[in-house]
Amino acid sequence: MTLMKIQFVVVKIFKYKGE
């Protein structure tokens, strides 16, 4: 797994929690 992919998932989770 690449760091970029991990960051993408983290951003997605953060956006999901933000909504």
Foldseek 3Di string as FASTA:
>chain_A
DDPVVVVVVVVVVVVVVVD
